[in-house]
Amino acid sequence: MPGRAVAWSAVDVVLLLAFAASGRRTHEHGVTVVGVLETAWPFLLSYVLAVIAIRAWRSPSRIWPTAVVLWLGTVAGGLAVRALSGAGVALSFQIVTLLVLGIFLLVPRAVLGALRGRRRPVA
């Protein structure tokens, strides 16, 4: 089980970094390691806090409640930290963040669940 939790966290972190990199590229802020980390840190911090709060390592691949709480906690916390640090949190950014991180944190788990369901023999 610990290996699965580490793997899920690694996937989630890569997707959070991809979200930040994509946003920087879209808005022509330059995609550098420092720039991506500067954009991503509020969401990474919030993700880690959500993982700890719900002990996500116990059921890392479950959509409910694990992925849903990670998604909403990462979005709400990330936006709050951005606002407190003086970064932009325009409504359009909030909507895009909610949708993209929802896709990134929920869809991989849903796909895995669907693949696992297909492998089970029908009784």
PDB file of N, CA and C in Angstrom:
ATOM      1  N   MET A   1       0.808  -1.210   0.000  1.00  0.00           N
ATOM      2  CA  MET A   1       0.000   0.000   0.000  1.00  0.00           C
ATOM      3  C   MET A   1       0.852   1.275   0.000  1.00  0.00           C
ATOM      4  N   PRO A   2       1.953   1.357   0.759  1.00  0.00           N
ATOM      5  CA  PRO A   2       2.747   2.592   0.744  1.00  0.00           C
ATOM      6  C   PRO A   2       3.268   2.943  -0.649  1.00  0.00           C
ATOM      7  N   GLY A   3       3.652   1.935  -1.425  1.00  0.00           N
ATOM      8  CA  GLY A   3       4.138   2.193  -2.779  1.00  0.00           C
ATOM      9  C   GLY A   3       3.072   2.819  -3.658  1.00  0.00           C
ATOM     10  N   ARG A   4       1.836   2.360  -3.497  1.00  0.00           N
ATOM     11  CA  ARG A   4       0.734   2.925  -4.275  1.00  0.00           C
ATOM     12  C   ARG A   4       0.480   4.379  -3.884  1.00  0.00           C
ATOM     13  N   ALA A   5       0.561   4.663  -2.602  1.00  0.00           N
ATOM     14  CA  ALA A   5       0.335   6.031  -2.142  1.00  0.00           C
ATOM     15  C   ALA A   5       1.409   6.966  -2.689  1.00  0.00           C
ATOM     16  N   VAL A   6       2.654   6.514  -2.681  1.00  0.00           N
ATOM     17  CA  VAL A   6       3.755   7.326  -3.217  1.00  0.00           C
ATOM     18  C   VAL A   6       3.555   7.539  -4.712  1.00  0.00           C
ATOM     19  N   ALA A   7       3.153   6.490  -5.414  1.00  0.00           N
ATOM     20  CA  ALA A   7       2.923   6.606  -6.858  1.00  0.00           C
ATOM     21  C   ALA A   7       1.798   7.596  -7.157  1.00  0.00           C
ATOM     22  N   TRP A   8       0.686   7.507  -6.415  1.00  0.00           N
ATOM     23  CA  TRP A   8      -0.421   8.443  -6.629  1.00  0.00           C
ATOM     24  C   TRP A   8       0.012   9.874  -6.323  1.00  0.00           C
ATOM     25  N   SER A   9       0.758  10.061  -5.248  1.00  0.00           N
ATOM     26  CA  SER A   9       1.225  11.406  -4.916  1.00  0.00           C
ATOM     27  C   SER A   9       2.143  11.937  -6.000  1.00  0.00           C
ATOM     28  N   ALA A  10       3.014  11.088  -6.522  1.00  0.00           N
ATOM     29  CA  ALA A  10       3.912  11.519  -7.595  1.00  0.00           C
ATOM     30  C   ALA A  10       3.119  11.942  -8.834  1.00  0.00           C
ATOM     31  N   VAL A  11       2.123  11.146  -9.199  1.00  0.00           N
ATOM     32  CA  VAL A  11       1.275  11.491 -10.347  1.00  0.00           C
ATOM     33  C   VAL A  11       0.566  12.819 -10.087  1.00  0.00           C
ATOM     34  N   ASP A  12      -0.009  12.968  -8.921  1.00  0.00           N
ATOM     35  CA  ASP A  12      -0.733  14.199  -8.584  1.00  0.00           C
ATOM     36  C   ASP A  12       0.197  15.416  -8.639  1.00  0.00           C
ATOM     37  N   VAL A  13       1.394  15.288  -8.080  1.00  0.00           N
ATOM     38  CA  VAL A  13       2.341  16.412  -8.071  1.00  0.00           C
ATOM     39  C   VAL A  13       2.755  16.769  -9.498  1.00  0.00           C
ATOM     40  N   VAL A  14       3.015  15.772 -10.324  1.00  0.00           N
ATOM     41  CA  VAL A  14       3.368  16.035 -11.726  1.00  0.00           C
ATOM     42  C   VAL A  14       2.230  16.778 -12.420  1.00  0.00           C
ATOM     43  N   LEU A  15       0.997  16.369 -12.161  1.00  0.00           N
ATOM     44  CA  LEU A  15      -0.148  17.040 -12.785  1.00  0.00           C
ATOM     45  C   LEU A  15      -0.326  18.460 -12.258  1.00  0.00           C
ATOM     46  N   LEU A  16      -0.078  18.683 -10.976  1.00  0.00           N
ATOM     47  CA  LEU A  16      -0.133  20.049 -10.436  1.00  0.00           C
ATOM     48  C   LEU A  16       0.946  20.919 -11.077  1.00  0.00           C
ATOM     49  N   LEU A  17       2.120  20.376 -11.274  1.00  0.00           N
ATOM     50  CA  LEU A  17       3.190  21.123 -11.941  1.00  0.00           C
ATOM     51  C   LEU A  17       2.843  21.383 -13.405  1.00  0.00           C
ATOM     52  N   ALA A  18       2.210  20.416 -14.057  1.00  0.00           N
ATOM     53  CA  ALA A  18       1.770  20.604 -15.446  1.00  0.00           C
ATOM     54  C   ALA A  18       0.719  21.703 -15.538  1.00  0.00           C
ATOM     55  N   PHE A  19      -0.177  21.751 -14.562  1.00  0.00           N
ATOM     56  CA  PHE A  19      -1.185  22.816 -14.500  1.00  0.00           C
ATOM     57  C   PHE A  19      -0.502  24.179 -14.422  1.00  0.00           C
ATOM     58  N   ALA A  20       0.476  24.311 -13.543  1.00  0.00           N
ATOM     59  CA  ALA A  20       1.193  25.577 -13.383  1.00  0.00           C
ATOM     60  C   ALA A  20       1.975  25.931 -14.650  1.00  0.00           C
ATOM     61  N   ALA A  21       2.646  24.952 -15.226  1.00  0.00           N
ATOM     62  CA  ALA A  21       3.426  25.200 -16.442  1.00  0.00           C
ATOM     63  C   ALA A  21       2.527  25.617 -17.593  1.00  0.00           C
ATOM     64  N   SER A  22       1.385  24.952 -17.714  1.00  0.00           N
ATOM     65  CA  SER A  22       0.444  25.286 -18.782  1.00  0.00           C
ATOM     66  C   SER A  22      -0.081  26.712 -18.632  1.00  0.00           C
ATOM     67  N   GLY A  23      -0.404  27.071 -17.407  1.00  0.00           N
ATOM     68  CA  GLY A  23      -0.881  28.429 -17.163  1.00  0.00           C
ATOM     69  C   GLY A  23       0.178  29.476 -17.482  1.00  0.00           C
ATOM     70  N   ARG A  24       1.403  29.192 -17.108  1.00  0.00           N
ATOM     71  CA  ARG A  24       2.491  30.131 -17.397  1.00  0.00           C
ATOM     72  C   ARG A  24       2.709  30.247 -18.904  1.00  0.00           C
ATOM     73  N   ARG A  25       2.644  29.116 -19.606  1.00  0.00           N
ATOM     74  CA  ARG A  25       2.827  29.146 -21.055  1.00  0.00           C
ATOM     75  C   ARG A  25       1.684  29.894 -21.731  1.00  0.00           C
ATOM     76  N   THR A  26       0.458  29.607 -21.301  1.00  0.00           N
ATOM     77  CA  THR A  26      -0.717  30.250 -21.888  1.00  0.00           C
ATOM     78  C   THR A  26      -0.668  31.768 -21.729  1.00  0.00           C
ATOM     79  N   HIS A  27      -0.193  32.212 -20.578  1.00  0.00           N
ATOM     80  CA  HIS A  27      -0.154  33.651 -20.297  1.00  0.00           C
ATOM     81  C   HIS A  27       1.206  34.270 -20.567  1.00  0.00           C
ATOM     82  N   GLU A  28       2.056  33.513 -21.270  1.00  0.00           N
ATOM     83  CA  GLU A  28       3.368  33.984 -21.714  1.00  0.00           C
ATOM     84  C   GLU A  28       4.222  34.540 -20.585  1.00  0.00           C
ATOM     85  N   HIS A  29       4.240  33.813 -19.459  1.00  0.00           N
ATOM     86  CA  HIS A  29       5.083  34.202 -18.325  1.00  0.00           C
ATOM     87  C   HIS A  29       6.423  33.480 -18.347  1.00  0.00           C
ATOM     88  N   GLY A  30       6.610  32.599 -19.275  1.00  0.00           N
ATOM     89  CA  GLY A  30       7.850  31.844 -19.365  1.00  0.00           C
ATOM     90  C   GLY A  30       7.784  30.594 -18.516  1.00  0.00           C
ATOM     91  N   VAL A  31       8.167  29.493 -19.127  1.00  0.00           N
ATOM     92  CA  VAL A  31       8.117  28.213 -18.437  1.00  0.00           C
ATOM     93  C   VAL A  31       9.533  27.836 -18.002  1.00  0.00           C
ATOM     94  N   THR A  32       9.874  28.285 -16.804  1.00  0.00           N
ATOM     95  CA  THR A  32      11.152  27.932 -16.189  1.00  0.00           C
ATOM     96  C   THR A  32      10.839  27.138 -14.919  1.00  0.00           C
ATOM     97  N   VAL A  33      11.819  26.420 -14.432  1.00  0.00           N
ATOM     98  CA  VAL A  33      11.601  25.635 -13.209  1.00  0.00           C
ATOM     99  C   VAL A  33      11.191  26.557 -12.070  1.00  0.00           C
ATOM    100  N   VAL A  34      11.909  27.656 -11.901  1.00  0.00           N
ATOM    101  CA  VAL A  34      11.600  28.587 -10.815  1.00  0.00           C
ATOM    102  C   VAL A  34      10.215  29.194 -11.009  1.00  0.00           C
ATOM    103  N   GLY A  35       9.881  29.569 -12.233  1.00  0.00           N
ATOM    104  CA  GLY A  35       8.574  30.157 -12.517  1.00  0.00           C
ATOM    105  C   GLY A  35       7.433  29.196 -12.254  1.00  0.00           C
ATOM    106  N   VAL A  36       7.604  27.940 -12.685  1.00  0.00           N
ATOM    107  CA  VAL A  36       6.565  26.939 -12.466  1.00  0.00           C
ATOM    108  C   VAL A  36       6.380  26.694 -10.973  1.00  0.00           C
ATOM    109  N   LEU A  37       7.481  26.573 -10.242  1.00  0.00           N
ATOM    110  CA  LEU A  37       7.380  26.361  -8.790  1.00  0.00           C
ATOM    111  C   LEU A  37       6.749  27.568  -8.097  1.00  0.00           C
ATOM    112  N   GLU A  38       7.055  28.753  -8.586  1.00  0.00           N
ATOM    113  CA  GLU A  38       6.462  29.972  -8.022  1.00  0.00           C
ATOM    114  C   GLU A  38       4.947  29.972  -8.191  1.00  0.00           C
ATOM    115  N   THR A  39       4.484  29.504  -9.324  1.00  0.00           N
ATOM    116  CA  THR A  39       3.052  29.426  -9.588  1.00  0.00           C
ATOM    117  C   THR A  39       2.410  28.257  -8.852  1.00  0.00           C
ATOM    118  N   ALA A  40       3.120  27.143  -8.769  1.00  0.00           N
ATOM    119  CA  ALA A  40       2.537  25.911  -8.228  1.00  0.00           C
ATOM    120  C   ALA A  40       2.558  25.825  -6.708  1.00  0.00           C
ATOM    121  N   TRP A  41       3.457  26.531  -6.029  1.00  0.00           N
ATOM    122  CA  TRP A  41       3.652  26.277  -4.593  1.00  0.00           C
ATOM    123  C   TRP A  41       2.390  26.396  -3.743  1.00  0.00           C
ATOM    124  N   PRO A  42       1.497  27.358  -3.991  1.00  0.00           N
ATOM    125  CA  PRO A  42       0.287  27.390  -3.142  1.00  0.00           C
ATOM    126  C   PRO A  42      -0.559  26.119  -3.275  1.00  0.00           C
ATOM    127  N   PHE A  43      -0.599  25.567  -4.481  1.00  0.00           N
ATOM    128  CA  PHE A  43      -1.393  24.369  -4.728  1.00  0.00           C
ATOM    129  C   PHE A  43      -0.681  23.126  -4.197  1.00  0.00           C
ATOM    130  N   LEU A  44       0.634  23.091  -4.336  1.00  0.00           N
ATOM    131  CA  LEU A  44       1.395  21.965  -3.784  1.00  0.00           C
ATOM    132  C   LEU A  44       1.285  21.933  -2.262  1.00  0.00           C
ATOM    133  N   LEU A  45       1.407  23.090  -1.637  1.00  0.00           N
ATOM    134  CA  LEU A  45       1.272  23.179  -0.180  1.00  0.00           C
ATOM    135  C   LEU A  45      -0.114  22.710   0.258  1.00  0.00           C
ATOM    136  N   SER A  46      -1.131  23.192  -0.415  1.00  0.00           N
ATOM    137  CA  SER A  46      -2.506  22.816  -0.069  1.00  0.00           C
ATOM    138  C   SER A  46      -2.757  21.335  -0.315  1.00  0.00           C
ATOM    139  N   TYR A  47      -2.179  20.803  -1.374  1.00  0.00           N
ATOM    140  CA  TYR A  47      -2.307  19.373  -1.657  1.00  0.00           C
ATOM    141  C   TYR A  47      -1.690  18.547  -0.519  1.00  0.00           C
ATOM    142  N   VAL A  48      -0.477  18.904  -0.113  1.00  0.00           N
ATOM    143  CA  VAL A  48       0.200  18.172   0.972  1.00  0.00           C
ATOM    144  C   VAL A  48      -0.616  18.248   2.259  1.00  0.00           C
ATOM    145  N   LEU A  49      -1.135  19.420   2.577  1.00  0.00           N
ATOM    146  CA  LEU A  49      -1.947  19.566   3.788  1.00  0.00           C
ATOM    147  C   LEU A  49      -3.217  18.721   3.704  1.00  0.00           C
ATOM    148  N   ALA A  50      -3.824  18.671   2.528  1.00  0.00           N
ATOM    149  CA  ALA A  50      -5.029  17.844   2.352  1.00  0.00           C
ATOM    150  C   ALA A  50      -4.687  16.356   2.487  1.00  0.00           C
ATOM    151  N   VAL A  51      -3.558  15.939   1.917  1.00  0.00           N
ATOM    152  CA  VAL A  51      -3.124  14.536   2.041  1.00  0.00           C
ATOM    153  C   VAL A  51      -2.991  14.163   3.511  1.00  0.00           C
ATOM    154  N   ILE A  52      -2.338  15.025   4.274  1.00  0.00           N
ATOM    155  CA  ILE A  52      -2.125  14.753   5.698  1.00  0.00           C
ATOM    156  C   ILE A  52      -3.452  14.772   6.460  1.00  0.00           C
ATOM    157  N   ALA A  53      -4.282  15.764   6.170  1.00  0.00           N
ATOM    158  CA  ALA A  53      -5.543  15.929   6.899  1.00  0.00           C
ATOM    159  C   ALA A  53      -6.450  14.709   6.763  1.00  0.00           C
ATOM    160  N   ILE A  54      -6.508  14.127   5.583  1.00  0.00           N
ATOM    161  CA  ILE A  54      -7.418  12.992   5.378  1.00  0.00           C
ATOM    162  C   ILE A  54      -6.685  11.649   5.344  1.00  0.00           C
ATOM    163  N   ARG A  55      -5.386  11.692   5.589  1.00  0.00           N
ATOM    164  CA  ARG A  55      -4.558  10.472   5.531  1.00  0.00           C
ATOM    165  C   ARG A  55      -4.806   9.726   4.219  1.00  0.00           C
ATOM    166  N   ALA A  56      -4.583  10.444   3.139  1.00  0.00           N
ATOM    167  CA  ALA A  56      -4.885   9.929   1.800  1.00  0.00           C
ATOM    168  C   ALA A  56      -4.106   8.667   1.443  1.00  0.00           C
ATOM    169  N   TRP A  57      -3.018   8.405   2.138  1.00  0.00           N
ATOM    170  CA  TRP A  57      -2.222   7.215   1.846  1.00  0.00           C
ATOM    171  C   TRP A  57      -2.980   5.923   2.148  1.00  0.00           C
ATOM    172  N   ARG A  58      -4.060   6.020   2.933  1.00  0.00           N
ATOM    173  CA  ARG A  58      -4.842   4.826   3.260  1.00  0.00           C
ATOM    174  C   ARG A  58      -5.657   4.316   2.079  1.00  0.00           C
ATOM    175  N   SER A  59      -6.111   5.204   1.233  1.00  0.00           N
ATOM    176  CA  SER A  59      -6.899   4.803   0.055  1.00  0.00           C
ATOM    177  C   SER A  59      -6.637   5.789  -1.087  1.00  0.00           C
ATOM    178  N   PRO A  60      -5.415   5.807  -1.599  1.00  0.00           N
ATOM    179  CA  PRO A  60      -5.013   6.839  -2.553  1.00  0.00           C
ATOM    180  C   PRO A  60      -5.732   6.801  -3.898  1.00  0.00           C
ATOM    181  N   SER A  61      -6.276   5.658  -4.284  1.00  0.00           N
ATOM    182  CA  SER A  61      -6.914   5.571  -5.594  1.00  0.00           C
ATOM    183  C   SER A  61      -8.424   5.774  -5.560  1.00  0.00           C
ATOM    184  N   ARG A  62      -8.996   5.926  -4.379  1.00  0.00           N
ATOM    185  CA  ARG A  62     -10.451   6.093  -4.274  1.00  0.00           C
ATOM    186  C   ARG A  62     -10.870   7.502  -4.697  1.00  0.00           C
ATOM    187  N   ILE A  63     -11.943   7.556  -5.454  1.00  0.00           N
ATOM    188  CA  ILE A  63     -12.467   8.869  -5.857  1.00  0.00           C
ATOM    189  C   ILE A  63     -13.151   9.522  -4.659  1.00  0.00           C
ATOM    190  N   TRP A  64     -14.011   8.751  -3.987  1.00  0.00           N
ATOM    191  CA  TRP A  64     -14.703   9.295  -2.816  1.00  0.00           C
ATOM    192  C   TRP A  64     -14.247   8.557  -1.576  1.00  0.00           C
ATOM    193  N   PRO A  65     -13.842   9.226  -0.572  1.00  0.00           N
ATOM    194  CA  PRO A  65     -13.720  10.677  -0.451  1.00  0.00           C
ATOM    195  C   PRO A  65     -12.341  11.206  -0.831  1.00  0.00           C
ATOM    196  N   THR A  66     -11.361  10.322  -1.024  1.00  0.00           N
ATOM    197  CA  THR A  66      -9.970  10.751  -1.161  1.00  0.00           C
ATOM    198  C   THR A  66      -9.763  11.791  -2.259  1.00  0.00           C
ATOM    199  N   ALA A  67     -10.021  11.428  -3.499  1.00  0.00           N
ATOM    200  CA  ALA A  67      -9.718  12.334  -4.612  1.00  0.00           C
ATOM    201  C   ALA A  67     -10.560  13.603  -4.566  1.00  0.00           C
ATOM    202  N   VAL A  68     -11.809  13.478  -4.173  1.00  0.00           N
ATOM    203  CA  VAL A  68     -12.675  14.670  -4.101  1.00  0.00           C
ATOM    204  C   VAL A  68     -12.155  15.647  -3.055  1.00  0.00           C
ATOM    205  N   VAL A  69     -11.760  15.145  -1.899  1.00  0.00           N
ATOM    206  CA  VAL A  69     -11.229  16.025  -0.850  1.00  0.00           C
ATOM    207  C   VAL A  69      -9.891  16.609  -1.271  1.00  0.00           C
ATOM    208  N   LEU A  70      -9.037  15.804  -1.900  1.00  0.00           N
ATOM    209  CA  LEU A  70      -7.764  16.336  -2.385  1.00  0.00           C
ATOM    210  C   LEU A  70      -7.992  17.440  -3.413  1.00  0.00           C
ATOM    211  N   TRP A  71      -8.921  17.209  -4.312  1.00  0.00           N
ATOM    212  CA  TRP A  71      -9.241  18.196  -5.344  1.00  0.00           C
ATOM    213  C   TRP A  71      -9.743  19.500  -4.730  1.00  0.00           C
ATOM    214  N   LEU A  72     -10.796  19.406  -3.940  1.00  0.00           N
ATOM    215  CA  LEU A  72     -11.395  20.625  -3.377  1.00  0.00           C
ATOM    216  C   LEU A  72     -10.461  21.307  -2.373  1.00  0.00           C
ATOM    217  N   GLY A  73      -9.728  20.514  -1.588  1.00  0.00           N
ATOM    218  CA  GLY A  73      -8.774  21.091  -0.645  1.00  0.00           C
ATOM    219  C   GLY A  73      -7.627  21.790  -1.352  1.00  0.00           C
ATOM    220  N   THR A  74      -7.148  21.186  -2.430  1.00  0.00           N
ATOM    221  CA  THR A  74      -6.057  21.785  -3.203  1.00  0.00           C
ATOM    222  C   THR A  74      -6.515  23.081  -3.861  1.00  0.00           C
ATOM    223  N   VAL A  75      -7.700  23.064  -4.438  1.00  0.00           N
ATOM    224  CA  VAL A  75      -8.227  24.265  -5.101  1.00  0.00           C
ATOM    225  C   VAL A  75      -8.481  25.378  -4.081  1.00  0.00           C
ATOM    226  N   ALA A  76      -9.248  25.083  -3.047  1.00  0.00           N
ATOM    227  CA  ALA A  76      -9.606  26.118  -2.059  1.00  0.00           C
ATOM    228  C   ALA A  76      -8.366  26.639  -1.346  1.00  0.00           C
ATOM    229  N   GLY A  77      -7.527  25.736  -0.895  1.00  0.00           N
ATOM    230  CA  GLY A  77      -6.319  26.151  -0.198  1.00  0.00           C
ATOM    231  C   GLY A  77      -5.364  26.898  -1.104  1.00  0.00           C
ATOM    232  N   GLY A  78      -5.172  26.385  -2.306  1.00  0.00           N
ATOM    233  CA  GLY A  78      -4.270  27.037  -3.256  1.00  0.00           C
ATOM    234  C   GLY A  78      -4.716  28.446  -3.605  1.00  0.00           C
ATOM    235  N   LEU A  79      -6.007  28.598  -3.846  1.00  0.00           N
ATOM    236  CA  LEU A  79      -6.529  29.937  -4.159  1.00  0.00           C
ATOM    237  C   LEU A  79      -6.406  30.868  -2.952  1.00  0.00           C
ATOM    238  N   ALA A  80      -6.663  30.345  -1.763  1.00  0.00           N
ATOM    239  CA  ALA A  80      -6.546  31.165  -0.549  1.00  0.00           C
ATOM    240  C   ALA A  80      -5.107  31.615  -0.329  1.00  0.00           C
ATOM    241  N   VAL A  81      -4.166  30.691  -0.488  1.00  0.00           N
ATOM    242  CA  VAL A  81      -2.748  31.047  -0.298  1.00  0.00           C
ATOM    243  C   VAL A  81      -2.317  32.050  -1.360  1.00  0.00           C
ATOM    244  N   ARG A  82      -2.764  31.850  -2.599  1.00  0.00           N
ATOM    245  CA  ARG A  82      -2.440  32.825  -3.665  1.00  0.00           C
ATOM    246  C   ARG A  82      -2.972  34.207  -3.293  1.00  0.00           C
ATOM    247  N   ALA A  83      -4.204  34.256  -2.841  1.00  0.00           N
ATOM    248  CA  ALA A  83      -4.800  35.549  -2.477  1.00  0.00           C
ATOM    249  C   ALA A  83      -4.028  36.195  -1.335  1.00  0.00           C
ATOM    250  N   LEU A  84      -3.686  35.407  -0.314  1.00  0.00           N
ATOM    251  CA  LEU A  84      -2.953  35.947   0.834  1.00  0.00           C
ATOM    252  C   LEU A  84      -1.547  36.398   0.462  1.00  0.00           C
ATOM    253  N   SER A  85      -0.973  35.784  -0.569  1.00  0.00           N
ATOM    254  CA  SER A  85       0.377  36.160  -0.983  1.00  0.00           C
ATOM    255  C   SER A  85       0.382  37.259  -2.040  1.00  0.00           C
ATOM    256  N   GLY A  86      -0.794  37.760  -2.395  1.00  0.00           N
ATOM    257  CA  GLY A  86      -0.884  38.871  -3.329  1.00  0.00           C
ATOM    258  C   GLY A  86      -0.925  38.464  -4.795  1.00  0.00           C
ATOM    259  N   ALA A  87      -1.020  37.179  -5.078  1.00  0.00           N
ATOM    260  CA  ALA A  87      -1.113  36.724  -6.468  1.00  0.00           C
ATOM    261  C   ALA A  87      -2.564  36.808  -6.933  1.00  0.00           C
ATOM    262  N   GLY A  88      -2.749  36.756  -8.233  1.00  0.00           N
ATOM    263  CA  GLY A  88      -4.081  36.917  -8.809  1.00  0.00           C
ATOM    264  C   GLY A  88      -4.992  35.732  -8.557  1.00  0.00           C
ATOM    265  N   VAL A  89      -6.253  36.044  -8.287  1.00  0.00           N
ATOM    266  CA  VAL A  89      -7.285  35.017  -8.115  1.00  0.00           C
ATOM    267  C   VAL A  89      -8.585  35.467  -8.789  1.00  0.00           C
ATOM    268  N   ALA A  90      -8.452  35.943 -10.014  1.00  0.00           N
ATOM    269  CA  ALA A  90      -9.625  36.382 -10.772  1.00  0.00           C
ATOM    270  C   ALA A  90     -10.626  35.236 -10.884  1.00  0.00           C
ATOM    271  N   LEU A  91     -11.899  35.569 -11.003  1.00  0.00           N
ATOM    272  CA  LEU A  91     -12.949  34.559 -11.091  1.00  0.00           C
ATOM    273  C   LEU A  91     -12.669  33.567 -12.214  1.00  0.00           C
ATOM    274  N   SER A  92     -12.215  34.049 -13.357  1.00  0.00           N
ATOM    275  CA  SER A  92     -11.919  33.137 -14.474  1.00  0.00           C
ATOM    276  C   SER A  92     -10.820  32.150 -14.083  1.00  0.00           C
ATOM    277  N   PHE A  93      -9.823  32.604 -13.328  1.00  0.00           N
ATOM    278  CA  PHE A  93      -8.757  31.712 -12.862  1.00  0.00           C
ATOM    279  C   PHE A  93      -9.309  30.684 -11.877  1.00  0.00           C
ATOM    280  N   GLN A  94     -10.216  31.119 -11.019  1.00  0.00           N
ATOM    281  CA  GLN A  94     -10.826  30.195 -10.062  1.00  0.00           C
ATOM    282  C   GLN A  94     -11.597  29.088 -10.777  1.00  0.00           C
ATOM    283  N   ILE A  95     -12.334  29.457 -11.801  1.00  0.00           N
ATOM    284  CA  ILE A  95     -13.129  28.483 -12.549  1.00  0.00           C
ATOM    285  C   ILE A  95     -12.214  27.504 -13.287  1.00  0.00           C
ATOM    286  N   VAL A  96     -11.201  28.038 -13.965  1.00  0.00           N
ATOM    287  CA  VAL A  96     -10.264  27.176 -14.687  1.00  0.00           C
ATOM    288  C   VAL A  96      -9.548  26.243 -13.713  1.00  0.00           C
ATOM    289  N   THR A  97      -9.130  26.773 -12.576  1.00  0.00           N
ATOM    290  CA  THR A  97      -8.448  25.959 -11.571  1.00  0.00           C
ATOM    291  C   THR A  97      -9.346  24.834 -11.080  1.00  0.00           C
ATOM    292  N   LEU A  98     -10.585  25.143 -10.760  1.00  0.00           N
ATOM    293  CA  LEU A  98     -11.529  24.135 -10.293  1.00  0.00           C
ATOM    294  C   LEU A  98     -11.718  23.040 -11.336  1.00  0.00           C
ATOM    295  N   LEU A  99     -11.901  23.416 -12.586  1.00  0.00           N
ATOM    296  CA  LEU A  99     -12.148  22.439 -13.645  1.00  0.00           C
ATOM    297  C   LEU A  99     -10.910  21.613 -13.976  1.00  0.00           C
ATOM    298  N   VAL A 100      -9.781  22.275 -14.191  1.00  0.00           N
ATOM    299  CA  VAL A 100      -8.574  21.556 -14.598  1.00  0.00           C
ATOM    300  C   VAL A 100      -8.086  20.636 -13.487  1.00  0.00           C
ATOM    301  N   LEU A 101      -8.026  21.137 -12.261  1.00  0.00           N
ATOM    302  CA  LEU A 101      -7.565  20.272 -11.181  1.00  0.00           C
ATOM    303  C   LEU A 101      -8.571  19.160 -10.889  1.00  0.00           C
ATOM    304  N   GLY A 102      -9.842  19.415 -11.132  1.00  0.00           N
ATOM    305  CA  GLY A 102     -10.831  18.341 -11.022  1.00  0.00           C
ATOM    306  C   GLY A 102     -10.537  17.232 -12.018  1.00  0.00           C
ATOM    307  N   ILE A 103     -10.269  17.621 -13.242  1.00  0.00           N
ATOM    308  CA  ILE A 103      -9.925  16.632 -14.269  1.00  0.00           C
ATOM    309  C   ILE A 103      -8.635  15.909 -13.884  1.00  0.00           C
ATOM    310  N   PHE A 104      -7.621  16.665 -13.489  1.00  0.00           N
ATOM    311  CA  PHE A 104      -6.314  16.073 -13.181  1.00  0.00           C
ATOM    312  C   PHE A 104      -6.342  15.144 -11.968  1.00  0.00           C
ATOM    313  N   LEU A 105      -7.108  15.467 -10.963  1.00  0.00           N
ATOM    314  CA  LEU A 105      -7.090  14.659  -9.741  1.00  0.00           C
ATOM    315  C   LEU A 105      -8.165  13.573  -9.709  1.00  0.00           C
ATOM    316  N   LEU A 106      -9.219  13.735 -10.483  1.00  0.00           N
ATOM    317  CA  LEU A 106     -10.306  12.752 -10.466  1.00  0.00           C
ATOM    318  C   LEU A 106     -10.246  11.748 -11.622  1.00  0.00           C
ATOM    319  N   VAL A 107      -9.968  12.230 -12.813  1.00  0.00           N
ATOM    320  CA  VAL A 107     -10.046  11.362 -13.996  1.00  0.00           C
ATOM    321  C   VAL A 107      -9.065  10.185 -13.955  1.00  0.00           C
ATOM    322  N   PRO A 108      -7.796  10.381 -13.579  1.00  0.00           N
ATOM    323  CA  PRO A 108      -6.911   9.205 -13.535  1.00  0.00           C
ATOM    324  C   PRO A 108      -7.437   8.108 -12.616  1.00  0.00           C
ATOM    325  N   ARG A 109      -8.013   8.478 -11.495  1.00  0.00           N
ATOM    326  CA  ARG A 109      -8.562   7.492 -10.567  1.00  0.00           C
ATOM    327  C   ARG A 109      -9.819   6.829 -11.150  1.00  0.00           C
ATOM    328  N   ALA A 110     -10.625   7.607 -11.845  1.00  0.00           N
ATOM    329  CA  ALA A 110     -11.825   7.047 -12.475  1.00  0.00           C
ATOM    330  C   ALA A 110     -11.445   6.066 -13.582  1.00  0.00           C
ATOM    331  N   VAL A 111     -10.438   6.407 -14.359  1.00  0.00           N
ATOM    332  CA  VAL A 111      -9.985   5.518 -15.431  1.00  0.00           C
ATOM    333  C   VAL A 111      -9.443   4.220 -14.838  1.00  0.00           C
ATOM    334  N   LEU A 112      -8.626   4.329 -13.811  1.00  0.00           N
ATOM    335  CA  LEU A 112      -8.094   3.128 -13.161  1.00  0.00           C
ATOM    336  C   LEU A 112      -9.221   2.270 -12.604  1.00  0.00           C
ATOM    337  N   GLY A 113     -10.193   2.908 -11.966  1.00  0.00           N
ATOM    338  CA  GLY A 113     -11.334   2.163 -11.430  1.00  0.00           C
ATOM    339  C   GLY A 113     -12.109   1.450 -12.532  1.00  0.00           C
ATOM    340  N   ALA A 114     -12.289   2.117 -13.663  1.00  0.00           N
ATOM    341  CA  ALA A 114     -13.006   1.506 -14.784  1.00  0.00           C
ATOM    342  C   ALA A 114     -12.211   0.331 -15.356  1.00  0.00           C
ATOM    343  N   LEU A 115     -10.898   0.488 -15.458  1.00  0.00           N
ATOM    344  CA  LEU A 115     -10.068  -0.607 -15.961  1.00  0.00           C
ATOM    345  C   LEU A 115     -10.075  -1.796 -15.017  1.00  0.00           C
ATOM    346  N   ARG A 116     -10.039  -1.520 -13.736  1.00  0.00           N
ATOM    347  CA  ARG A 116     -10.106  -2.609 -12.755  1.00  0.00           C
ATOM    348  C   ARG A 116     -11.448  -3.328 -12.839  1.00  0.00           C
ATOM    349  N   GLY A 117     -12.520  -2.576 -13.032  1.00  0.00           N
ATOM    350  CA  GLY A 117     -13.851  -3.169 -13.146  1.00  0.00           C
ATOM    351  C   GLY A 117     -13.998  -4.049 -14.374  1.00  0.00           C
ATOM    352  N   ARG A 118     -13.317  -3.706 -15.452  1.00  0.00           N
ATOM    353  CA  ARG A 118     -13.409  -4.493 -16.691  1.00  0.00           C
ATOM    354  C   ARG A 118     -12.688  -5.817 -16.577  1.00  0.00           C
ATOM    355  N   ARG A 119     -11.685  -5.868 -15.694  1.00  0.00           N
ATOM    356  CA  ARG A 119     -10.901  -7.097 -15.560  1.00  0.00           C
ATOM    357  C   ARG A 119     -11.598  -8.152 -14.712  1.00  0.00           C
ATOM    358  N   ARG A 120     -12.562  -7.749 -13.940  1.00  0.00           N
ATOM    359  CA  ARG A 120     -13.264  -8.710 -13.068  1.00  0.00           C
ATOM    360  C   ARG A 120     -14.176  -9.595 -13.896  1.00  0.00           C
ATOM    361  N   PRO A 121     -14.104 -10.892 -13.656  1.00  0.00           N
ATOM    362  CA  PRO A 121     -14.985 -11.796 -14.410  1.00  0.00           C
ATOM    363  C   PRO A 121     -16.442 -11.609 -14.006  1.00  0.00           C
ATOM    364  N   VAL A 122     -17.310 -11.749 -14.961  1.00  0.00           N
ATOM    365  CA  VAL A 122     -18.738 -11.647 -14.703  1.00  0.00           C
ATOM    366  C   VAL A 122     -19.217 -12.978 -14.166  1.00  0.00           C
ATOM    367  N   ALA A 123     -19.950 -12.922 -13.056  1.00  0.00           N
ATOM    368  CA  ALA A 123     -20.414 -14.184 -12.423  1.00  0.00           C
ATOM    369  C   ALA A 123     -21.727 -14.626 -13.004  1.00  0.00           C
TER     370      ALA A 123
END
